[in-house]
Every structure is written in C-alpha cells, then in structure tokens.
Amino acid sequence: MANQQLVIYTDGSSRGNPGPGGYGVVLLWGSIRKEMAQGYRKTTNNRMELLAVIVALEALKKDGQDIIIYTDSQYVVNSVEKGWIWGWVKTGFKDKKNKDLWQRFIPLYRKHKVKFVWVKGHATNAENNRCDILATEAADGGNHLVDVGYESGEAN
C-alpha cells in the first residue's frame, strides 16, 4: 500500500455566517476508513471548509503521500488549484481573511502531493454527503470548541 492514493472528502458548515459551525472529514486508504468531525461555537463557513482540509492533513502519519481531496468548497479549491494562496503569501495575506488557517495549511500542503477536486454539494456523491452530515451534526451539537482565530478577530 506504499504508493496507494489517499482519498479525502471534506465539508464545512455554519449555521449563520458567522454562527455555530463544524467540519466533517472522511479519509479513505484502501479498505481503511476514518471519519472526523468537530463543532465550533462561532465561525464562518469558509473557515470550516478550510479547517476540514487542515485537520485531515494533520491526521496523516507519513509525509510524501499522494492525496486527492474532494470538497464542495470553490473557495478552497480555487485558492489552491489556481495558485491564489501563493500571491497572498507574497503580500503577507494583506486584506485576506483566514490568514491563520492558510498559514497552518501551507506547510501541511507542502509535505504531500495534493490535488483538489471540486464536487457539487448536496448532490449524488455519497462521501461528500456523509461529510455534510458530519459537519452539520457537529455544528448543531453541544461539544463546541472556540475558533480562536475567528473570535479574536485576528483572522478577519
């Protein structure tokens, strides 16, 4: 399984924007499946979309993985696949939101060979729909964490 591709599905949710939010992740490696989710008391949808990707990459034990990430977030897909984040890095993320999360994402991204693929949300993709359930249940649940970056105002 050394060269097997890791498949990750992610989704984020917020009830109101901002509002209570959550993320959902499904990691698939051959026959191995892992699901992760967490809710936050006050955040935004884009932050949860990006945090889902970050948490998935942070869960990996080995560097240099060949990874495909499916997400319904055009914000995340376009920022990476169109190279926008590298321009933001050059300007120190001037006037860009979610700087804290992008700075957390970049070193994780650089450790692997990652390709992002956009999928239509709330459609026929079973794993994306599962991530949506995980994210919304986390947003609606009672075990919320504090999104320090958002609530401190540093990310905005």
N, C-alpha and C. Protein backbone atom coordinates (compact mmCIF):
# COMPACT_ATOMS: atom_id res chain seq x y z
N MET A 1 0.82 -1.20 0.00
CA MET A 1 0.00 0.00 0.00
C MET A 1 0.86 1.26 0.00
N ALA A 2 2.14 1.13 -0.23
CA ALA A 2 3.05 2.27 -0.13
C ALA A 2 2.71 3.38 -1.11
N ASN A 3 2.34 3.02 -2.34
CA ASN A 3 2.06 4.04 -3.34
C ASN A 3 0.57 4.25 -3.56
N GLN A 4 -0.24 3.70 -2.72
CA GLN A 4 -1.68 3.83 -2.87
C GLN A 4 -2.11 5.27 -2.61
N GLN A 5 -3.08 5.72 -3.39
CA GLN A 5 -3.56 7.09 -3.22
C GLN A 5 -4.51 7.18 -2.04
N LEU A 6 -4.29 8.21 -1.24
CA LEU A 6 -5.18 8.52 -0.14
C LEU A 6 -6.27 9.43 -0.67
N VAL A 7 -7.52 9.08 -0.39
CA VAL A 7 -8.66 9.87 -0.83
C VAL A 7 -9.30 10.51 0.39
N ILE A 8 -9.50 11.83 0.33
CA ILE A 8 -10.08 12.57 1.44
C ILE A 8 -11.28 13.35 0.93
N TYR A 9 -12.35 13.27 1.68
CA TYR A 9 -13.53 14.10 1.43
C TYR A 9 -13.68 15.05 2.61
N THR A 10 -14.01 16.31 2.33
CA THR A 10 -14.17 17.28 3.41
C THR A 10 -15.40 18.14 3.17
N ASP A 11 -15.93 18.65 4.26
CA ASP A 11 -17.02 19.63 4.17
C ASP A 11 -17.02 20.47 5.42
N GLY A 12 -17.49 21.69 5.27
CA GLY A 12 -17.66 22.60 6.40
C GLY A 12 -19.06 23.15 6.40
N SER A 13 -19.48 23.59 7.56
CA SER A 13 -20.84 24.10 7.70
C SER A 13 -20.86 25.20 8.75
N SER A 14 -21.72 26.18 8.55
CA SER A 14 -22.00 27.11 9.64
C SER A 14 -23.49 27.44 9.60
N ARG A 15 -24.04 27.58 10.77
CA ARG A 15 -25.45 27.90 10.93
C ARG A 15 -25.53 29.40 11.13
N GLY A 16 -25.69 30.12 10.03
CA GLY A 16 -25.48 31.55 10.03
C GLY A 16 -24.03 31.74 9.63
N ASN A 17 -23.71 32.89 9.11
CA ASN A 17 -22.34 33.10 8.64
C ASN A 17 -21.90 34.51 9.04
N PRO A 18 -21.44 34.73 10.25
CA PRO A 18 -20.96 33.71 11.21
C PRO A 18 -22.09 33.10 12.05
N GLY A 19 -21.72 32.01 12.67
CA GLY A 19 -22.61 31.29 13.57
C GLY A 19 -21.93 30.03 14.05
N PRO A 20 -22.67 29.18 14.73
CA PRO A 20 -22.09 27.88 15.11
C PRO A 20 -21.72 27.11 13.84
N GLY A 21 -20.58 26.44 13.88
CA GLY A 21 -20.13 25.73 12.69
C GLY A 21 -19.49 24.41 13.01
N GLY A 22 -19.14 23.69 11.96
CA GLY A 22 -18.48 22.41 12.14
C GLY A 22 -17.87 21.94 10.84
N TYR A 23 -17.02 20.93 10.96
CA TYR A 23 -16.44 20.31 9.77
C TYR A 23 -16.65 18.82 9.85
N GLY A 24 -16.58 18.18 8.68
CA GLY A 24 -16.64 16.74 8.58
C GLY A 24 -15.59 16.26 7.59
N VAL A 25 -14.95 15.14 7.91
CA VAL A 25 -13.89 14.58 7.09
C VAL A 25 -14.07 13.07 6.98
N VAL A 26 -13.86 12.56 5.78
CA VAL A 26 -13.78 11.11 5.55
C VAL A 26 -12.46 10.84 4.85
N LEU A 27 -11.61 10.00 5.46
CA LEU A 27 -10.34 9.58 4.86
C LEU A 27 -10.49 8.13 4.43
N LEU A 28 -10.08 7.85 3.19
CA LEU A 28 -10.16 6.50 2.63
C LEU A 28 -8.78 6.09 2.13
N TRP A 29 -8.29 4.96 2.67
CA TRP A 29 -6.99 4.42 2.30
C TRP A 29 -7.20 2.92 2.12
N GLY A 30 -7.42 2.50 0.88
CA GLY A 30 -7.74 1.10 0.64
C GLY A 30 -9.02 0.74 1.37
N SER A 31 -8.94 -0.27 2.24
CA SER A 31 -10.13 -0.69 2.99
C SER A 31 -10.27 0.08 4.31
N ILE A 32 -9.35 0.97 4.59
CA ILE A 32 -9.38 1.72 5.85
C ILE A 32 -10.19 2.99 5.66
N ARG A 33 -11.06 3.24 6.62
CA ARG A 33 -11.91 4.43 6.60
C ARG A 33 -11.83 5.10 7.95
N LYS A 34 -11.67 6.43 7.95
CA LYS A 34 -11.67 7.19 9.19
C LYS A 34 -12.55 8.42 9.00
N GLU A 35 -13.41 8.68 9.98
CA GLU A 35 -14.26 9.85 9.94
C GLU A 35 -13.90 10.76 11.10
N MET A 36 -13.92 12.08 10.85
CA MET A 36 -13.63 13.06 11.89
C MET A 36 -14.63 14.21 11.76
N ALA A 37 -14.97 14.80 12.90
CA ALA A 37 -15.86 15.96 12.91
C ALA A 37 -15.64 16.73 14.20
N GLN A 38 -15.90 18.04 14.14
CA GLN A 38 -15.82 18.89 15.33
C GLN A 38 -16.66 20.14 15.09
N GLY A 39 -17.30 20.60 16.15
CA GLY A 39 -18.10 21.81 16.08
C GLY A 39 -17.43 22.97 16.79
N TYR A 40 -17.79 24.18 16.37
CA TYR A 40 -17.26 25.42 16.94
C TYR A 40 -18.42 26.36 17.24
N ARG A 41 -18.29 27.13 18.32
CA ARG A 41 -19.43 27.93 18.76
C ARG A 41 -19.70 29.13 17.87
N LYS A 42 -18.67 29.72 17.25
CA LYS A 42 -18.87 30.86 16.35
C LYS A 42 -17.75 30.88 15.33
N THR A 43 -18.13 30.80 14.05
CA THR A 43 -17.15 30.72 12.97
C THR A 43 -17.85 31.06 11.66
N THR A 44 -17.17 30.82 10.54
CA THR A 44 -17.77 31.02 9.22
C THR A 44 -17.69 29.73 8.41
N ASN A 45 -18.48 29.68 7.36
CA ASN A 45 -18.48 28.51 6.50
C ASN A 45 -17.11 28.30 5.85
N ASN A 46 -16.51 29.36 5.31
CA ASN A 46 -15.21 29.20 4.66
C ASN A 46 -14.14 28.71 5.62
N ARG A 47 -14.18 29.17 6.87
CA ARG A 47 -13.21 28.70 7.86
C ARG A 47 -13.39 27.20 8.11
N MET A 48 -14.61 26.75 8.19
CA MET A 48 -14.85 25.32 8.44
C MET A 48 -14.48 24.48 7.23
N GLU A 49 -14.71 24.99 6.03
CA GLU A 49 -14.30 24.28 4.81
C GLU A 49 -12.79 24.07 4.81
N LEU A 50 -12.05 25.13 5.13
CA LEU A 50 -10.59 25.06 5.14
C LEU A 50 -10.08 24.25 6.32
N LEU A 51 -10.70 24.41 7.48
CA LEU A 51 -10.26 23.66 8.66
C LEU A 51 -10.44 22.15 8.46
N ALA A 52 -11.47 21.75 7.74
CA ALA A 52 -11.67 20.32 7.45
C ALA A 52 -10.46 19.75 6.71
N VAL A 53 -9.96 20.50 5.74
CA VAL A 53 -8.79 20.06 4.97
C VAL A 53 -7.56 20.00 5.88
N ILE A 54 -7.38 21.02 6.70
CA ILE A 54 -6.23 21.08 7.61
C ILE A 54 -6.23 19.90 8.56
N VAL A 55 -7.36 19.63 9.18
CA VAL A 55 -7.46 18.53 10.15
C VAL A 55 -7.17 17.19 9.48
N ALA A 56 -7.67 17.03 8.26
CA ALA A 56 -7.40 15.79 7.52
C ALA A 56 -5.91 15.62 7.28
N LEU A 57 -5.24 16.68 6.84
CA LEU A 57 -3.79 16.60 6.58
C LEU A 57 -3.00 16.43 7.87
N GLU A 58 -3.44 17.05 8.95
CA GLU A 58 -2.75 16.90 10.24
C GLU A 58 -2.87 15.48 10.79
N ALA A 59 -3.90 14.75 10.37
CA ALA A 59 -4.11 13.38 10.86
C ALA A 59 -3.15 12.37 10.23
N LEU A 60 -2.47 12.77 9.16
CA LEU A 60 -1.60 11.83 8.45
C LEU A 60 -0.31 11.60 9.22
N LYS A 61 0.12 10.36 9.23
CA LYS A 61 1.30 9.96 10.00
C LYS A 61 2.60 10.06 9.20
N LYS A 62 2.49 9.98 7.84
CA LYS A 62 3.67 9.97 6.99
C LYS A 62 3.61 11.14 6.01
N ASP A 63 4.76 11.72 5.72
CA ASP A 63 4.87 12.76 4.70
C ASP A 63 4.98 12.11 3.33
N GLY A 64 4.81 12.92 2.28
CA GLY A 64 5.00 12.45 0.92
C GLY A 64 3.86 11.62 0.36
N GLN A 65 2.68 11.78 0.90
CA GLN A 65 1.53 11.00 0.43
C GLN A 65 0.98 11.58 -0.88
N ASP A 66 0.46 10.70 -1.72
CA ASP A 66 -0.26 11.07 -2.94
C ASP A 66 -1.73 11.17 -2.54
N ILE A 67 -2.27 12.40 -2.54
CA ILE A 67 -3.59 12.65 -1.96
C ILE A 67 -4.49 13.36 -2.95
N ILE A 68 -5.74 12.90 -3.00
CA ILE A 68 -6.76 13.65 -3.73
C ILE A 68 -7.82 14.06 -2.70
N ILE A 69 -8.14 15.34 -2.69
CA ILE A 69 -9.11 15.88 -1.74
C ILE A 69 -10.33 16.37 -2.52
N TYR A 70 -11.48 15.78 -2.19
CA TYR A 70 -12.74 16.19 -2.78
C TYR A 70 -13.46 17.11 -1.81
N THR A 71 -13.87 18.28 -2.30
CA THR A 71 -14.58 19.24 -1.47
C THR A 71 -15.59 19.98 -2.33
N ASP A 72 -16.66 20.45 -1.70
CA ASP A 72 -17.63 21.27 -2.42
C ASP A 72 -17.34 22.76 -2.24
N SER A 73 -16.17 23.08 -1.69
CA SER A 73 -15.78 24.47 -1.45
C SER A 73 -14.96 25.03 -2.62
N GLN A 74 -15.59 25.87 -3.43
CA GLN A 74 -14.85 26.52 -4.50
C GLN A 74 -13.79 27.45 -3.92
N TYR A 75 -14.06 28.02 -2.75
CA TYR A 75 -13.08 28.87 -2.06
C TYR A 75 -11.77 28.13 -1.86
N VAL A 76 -11.83 26.92 -1.33
CA VAL A 76 -10.62 26.14 -1.07
C VAL A 76 -10.00 25.65 -2.37
N VAL A 77 -10.80 25.06 -3.24
CA VAL A 77 -10.27 24.51 -4.49
C VAL A 77 -9.59 25.60 -5.32
N ASN A 78 -10.28 26.71 -5.54
CA ASN A 78 -9.72 27.77 -6.38
C ASN A 78 -8.50 28.43 -5.75
N SER A 79 -8.53 28.62 -4.45
CA SER A 79 -7.40 29.26 -3.76
C SER A 79 -6.11 28.47 -3.96
N VAL A 80 -6.23 27.14 -3.96
CA VAL A 80 -5.04 26.29 -4.11
C VAL A 80 -4.76 25.97 -5.57
N GLU A 81 -5.74 25.43 -6.27
CA GLU A 81 -5.52 24.95 -7.64
C GLU A 81 -5.23 26.10 -8.62
N LYS A 82 -5.75 27.29 -8.35
CA LYS A 82 -5.45 28.45 -9.21
C LYS A 82 -4.27 29.26 -8.69
N GLY A 83 -3.70 28.81 -7.58
CA GLY A 83 -2.47 29.42 -7.08
C GLY A 83 -2.65 30.74 -6.35
N TRP A 84 -3.88 31.10 -6.01
CA TRP A 84 -4.11 32.38 -5.34
C TRP A 84 -3.33 32.50 -4.03
N ILE A 85 -3.24 31.39 -3.28
CA ILE A 85 -2.59 31.48 -1.96
C ILE A 85 -1.14 31.92 -2.06
N TRP A 86 -0.47 31.61 -3.15
CA TRP A 86 0.94 31.98 -3.27
C TRP A 86 1.08 33.50 -3.45
N GLY A 87 0.13 34.12 -4.11
CA GLY A 87 0.09 35.58 -4.18
C GLY A 87 -0.20 36.19 -2.82
N TRP A 88 -1.09 35.54 -2.07
CA TRP A 88 -1.42 36.03 -0.73
C TRP A 88 -0.21 35.94 0.19
N VAL A 89 0.57 34.86 0.04
CA VAL A 89 1.79 34.72 0.84
C VAL A 89 2.73 35.90 0.57
N LYS A 90 2.89 36.23 -0.71
CA LYS A 90 3.80 37.32 -1.10
C LYS A 90 3.38 38.66 -0.50
N THR A 91 2.07 38.86 -0.33
CA THR A 91 1.58 40.14 0.21
C THR A 91 1.33 40.05 1.71
N GLY A 92 1.75 38.93 2.34
CA GLY A 92 1.51 38.77 3.77
C GLY A 92 0.03 38.64 4.11
N PHE A 93 -0.75 38.14 3.15
CA PHE A 93 -2.19 37.96 3.32
C PHE A 93 -2.90 39.29 3.56
N LYS A 94 -2.34 40.36 3.03
CA LYS A 94 -2.94 41.69 3.21
C LYS A 94 -4.38 41.69 2.71
N ASP A 95 -5.27 42.12 3.58
CA ASP A 95 -6.71 42.23 3.28
C ASP A 95 -7.36 40.89 2.95
N LYS A 96 -6.75 39.78 3.36
CA LYS A 96 -7.34 38.46 3.13
C LYS A 96 -7.82 37.88 4.45
N LYS A 97 -8.96 37.21 4.39
CA LYS A 97 -9.49 36.56 5.58
C LYS A 97 -8.84 35.19 5.77
N ASN A 98 -8.91 34.71 6.98
CA ASN A 98 -8.50 33.35 7.33
C ASN A 98 -6.99 33.13 7.22
N LYS A 99 -6.23 34.20 7.40
CA LYS A 99 -4.76 34.13 7.33
C LYS A 99 -4.22 33.04 8.25
N ASP A 100 -4.77 32.95 9.47
CA ASP A 100 -4.28 31.96 10.43
C ASP A 100 -4.42 30.54 9.90
N LEU A 101 -5.54 30.25 9.27
CA LEU A 101 -5.76 28.90 8.76
C LEU A 101 -4.93 28.64 7.51
N TRP A 102 -4.82 29.62 6.63
CA TRP A 102 -3.98 29.42 5.44
C TRP A 102 -2.53 29.19 5.84
N GLN A 103 -2.05 29.90 6.85
CA GLN A 103 -0.67 29.71 7.30
C GLN A 103 -0.49 28.34 7.96
N ARG A 104 -1.52 27.81 8.52
CA ARG A 104 -1.49 26.45 9.09
C ARG A 104 -1.54 25.42 7.97
N PHE A 105 -2.27 25.72 6.91
CA PHE A 105 -2.45 24.80 5.78
C PHE A 105 -1.18 24.63 4.95
N ILE A 106 -0.51 25.72 4.64
CA ILE A 106 0.59 25.70 3.66
C ILE A 106 1.69 24.68 3.99
N PRO A 107 2.23 24.64 5.22
CA PRO A 107 3.27 23.64 5.48
C PRO A 107 2.76 22.20 5.37
N LEU A 108 1.50 21.97 5.68
CA LEU A 108 0.91 20.64 5.54
C LEU A 108 0.80 20.28 4.06
N TYR A 109 0.35 21.21 3.27
CA TYR A 109 0.21 21.02 1.83
C TYR A 109 1.54 20.68 1.19
N ARG A 110 2.58 21.37 1.62
CA ARG A 110 3.91 21.17 1.02
C ARG A 110 4.52 19.82 1.37
N LYS A 111 4.02 19.13 2.37
CA LYS A 111 4.55 17.83 2.77
C LYS A 111 4.08 16.69 1.87
N HIS A 112 3.08 16.97 1.04
CA HIS A 112 2.43 15.91 0.27
C HIS A 112 2.24 16.33 -1.17
N LYS A 113 1.79 15.38 -1.98
CA LYS A 113 1.37 15.67 -3.35
C LYS A 113 -0.16 15.69 -3.33
N VAL A 114 -0.71 16.90 -3.30
CA VAL A 114 -2.15 17.07 -3.10
C VAL A 114 -2.81 17.63 -4.34
N LYS A 115 -3.91 17.02 -4.72
CA LYS A 115 -4.76 17.55 -5.79
C LYS A 115 -6.15 17.75 -5.22
N PHE A 116 -6.71 18.93 -5.48
CA PHE A 116 -8.07 19.22 -5.05
C PHE A 116 -9.03 19.04 -6.22
N VAL A 117 -10.19 18.46 -5.92
CA VAL A 117 -11.24 18.28 -6.91
C VAL A 117 -12.54 18.81 -6.32
N TRP A 118 -13.18 19.70 -7.05
CA TRP A 118 -14.46 20.24 -6.60
C TRP A 118 -15.58 19.27 -6.95
N VAL A 119 -16.48 19.04 -6.00
CA VAL A 119 -17.67 18.24 -6.23
C VAL A 119 -18.88 19.09 -5.86
N LYS A 120 -19.97 18.86 -6.56
CA LYS A 120 -21.20 19.59 -6.28
C LYS A 120 -21.74 19.16 -4.91
N GLY A 121 -22.00 20.13 -4.05
CA GLY A 121 -22.53 19.82 -2.72
C GLY A 121 -23.98 19.40 -2.76
N HIS A 122 -24.38 18.62 -1.79
CA HIS A 122 -25.78 18.19 -1.63
C HIS A 122 -26.29 17.50 -2.89
N ALA A 123 -25.43 16.72 -3.53
CA ALA A 123 -25.80 16.05 -4.78
C ALA A 123 -25.67 14.54 -4.61
N THR A 124 -25.09 13.88 -5.59
CA THR A 124 -25.10 12.42 -5.62
C THR A 124 -23.83 11.78 -5.09
N ASN A 125 -22.88 12.56 -4.59
CA ASN A 125 -21.64 11.98 -4.08
C ASN A 125 -21.84 11.55 -2.64
N ALA A 126 -21.86 10.25 -2.41
CA ALA A 126 -22.19 9.70 -1.09
C ALA A 126 -21.21 10.15 -0.01
N GLU A 127 -19.92 10.19 -0.33
CA GLU A 127 -18.94 10.57 0.70
C GLU A 127 -19.02 12.06 1.01
N ASN A 128 -19.27 12.90 -0.01
CA ASN A 128 -19.46 14.32 0.26
C ASN A 128 -20.71 14.53 1.11
N ASN A 129 -21.76 13.78 0.82
CA ASN A 129 -22.98 13.88 1.62
C ASN A 129 -22.74 13.43 3.06
N ARG A 130 -21.91 12.41 3.24
CA ARG A 130 -21.56 11.96 4.59
C ARG A 130 -20.81 13.07 5.34
N CYS A 131 -19.88 13.74 4.66
CA CYS A 131 -19.15 14.84 5.28
C CYS A 131 -20.10 15.97 5.67
N ASP A 132 -21.08 16.23 4.82
CA ASP A 132 -22.08 17.26 5.13
C ASP A 132 -22.84 16.91 6.39
N ILE A 133 -23.22 15.65 6.53
CA ILE A 133 -23.92 15.20 7.75
C ILE A 133 -23.01 15.38 8.97
N LEU A 134 -21.76 14.94 8.85
CA LEU A 134 -20.82 15.08 9.96
C LEU A 134 -20.65 16.55 10.34
N ALA A 135 -20.51 17.43 9.34
CA ALA A 135 -20.29 18.85 9.60
C ALA A 135 -21.51 19.51 10.24
N THR A 136 -22.68 19.21 9.72
CA THR A 136 -23.89 19.85 10.27
C THR A 136 -24.23 19.31 11.65
N GLU A 137 -24.01 18.02 11.86
CA GLU A 137 -24.23 17.47 13.21
C GLU A 137 -23.26 18.09 14.21
N ALA A 138 -22.02 18.31 13.79
CA ALA A 138 -21.03 18.94 14.67
C ALA A 138 -21.43 20.39 14.96
N ALA A 139 -21.91 21.09 13.93
CA ALA A 139 -22.34 22.48 14.11
C ALA A 139 -23.53 22.56 15.06
N ASP A 140 -24.43 21.58 14.97
CA ASP A 140 -25.64 21.59 15.78
C ASP A 140 -25.45 20.95 17.15
N GLY A 141 -24.32 20.28 17.34
CA GLY A 141 -24.08 19.56 18.59
C GLY A 141 -23.71 20.48 19.74
N GLY A 142 -23.50 19.90 20.89
CA GLY A 142 -23.21 20.69 22.07
C GLY A 142 -21.75 20.73 22.48
N ASN A 143 -20.90 20.02 21.78
CA ASN A 143 -19.50 19.91 22.17
C ASN A 143 -18.64 20.86 21.34
N HIS A 144 -18.97 22.17 21.41
CA HIS A 144 -18.29 23.15 20.58
C HIS A 144 -16.96 23.61 21.17
N LEU A 145 -15.99 23.78 20.28
CA LEU A 145 -14.74 24.42 20.64
C LEU A 145 -14.82 25.90 20.28
N VAL A 146 -13.82 26.65 20.70
CA VAL A 146 -13.73 28.06 20.35
C VAL A 146 -12.82 28.20 19.13
N ASP A 147 -13.31 28.83 18.08
CA ASP A 147 -12.48 29.16 16.92
C ASP A 147 -11.74 30.45 17.29
N VAL A 148 -10.60 30.27 17.94
CA VAL A 148 -9.85 31.40 18.49
C VAL A 148 -9.48 32.41 17.40
N GLY A 149 -9.06 31.92 16.25
CA GLY A 149 -8.70 32.81 15.16
C GLY A 149 -9.84 33.71 14.75
N TYR A 150 -11.04 33.15 14.70
CA TYR A 150 -12.21 33.95 14.32
C TYR A 150 -12.64 34.87 15.47
N GLU A 151 -12.82 34.30 16.65
CA GLU A 151 -13.37 35.08 17.76
C GLU A 151 -12.43 36.16 18.25
N SER A 152 -11.13 35.99 18.05
CA SER A 152 -10.17 37.03 18.46
C SER A 152 -10.13 38.17 17.45
N GLY A 153 -10.67 37.95 16.27
CA GLY A 153 -10.64 38.95 15.23
C GLY A 153 -9.38 38.92 14.39
N GLU A 154 -8.43 38.07 14.75
CA GLU A 154 -7.15 38.01 14.03
C GLU A 154 -7.30 37.50 12.60
N ALA A 155 -8.32 36.69 12.35
CA ALA A 155 -8.45 36.04 11.06
C ALA A 155 -9.22 36.90 10.04
N ASN A 156 -9.75 38.02 10.50
CA ASN A 156 -10.64 38.78 9.63
C ASN A 156 -9.99 40.01 9.04
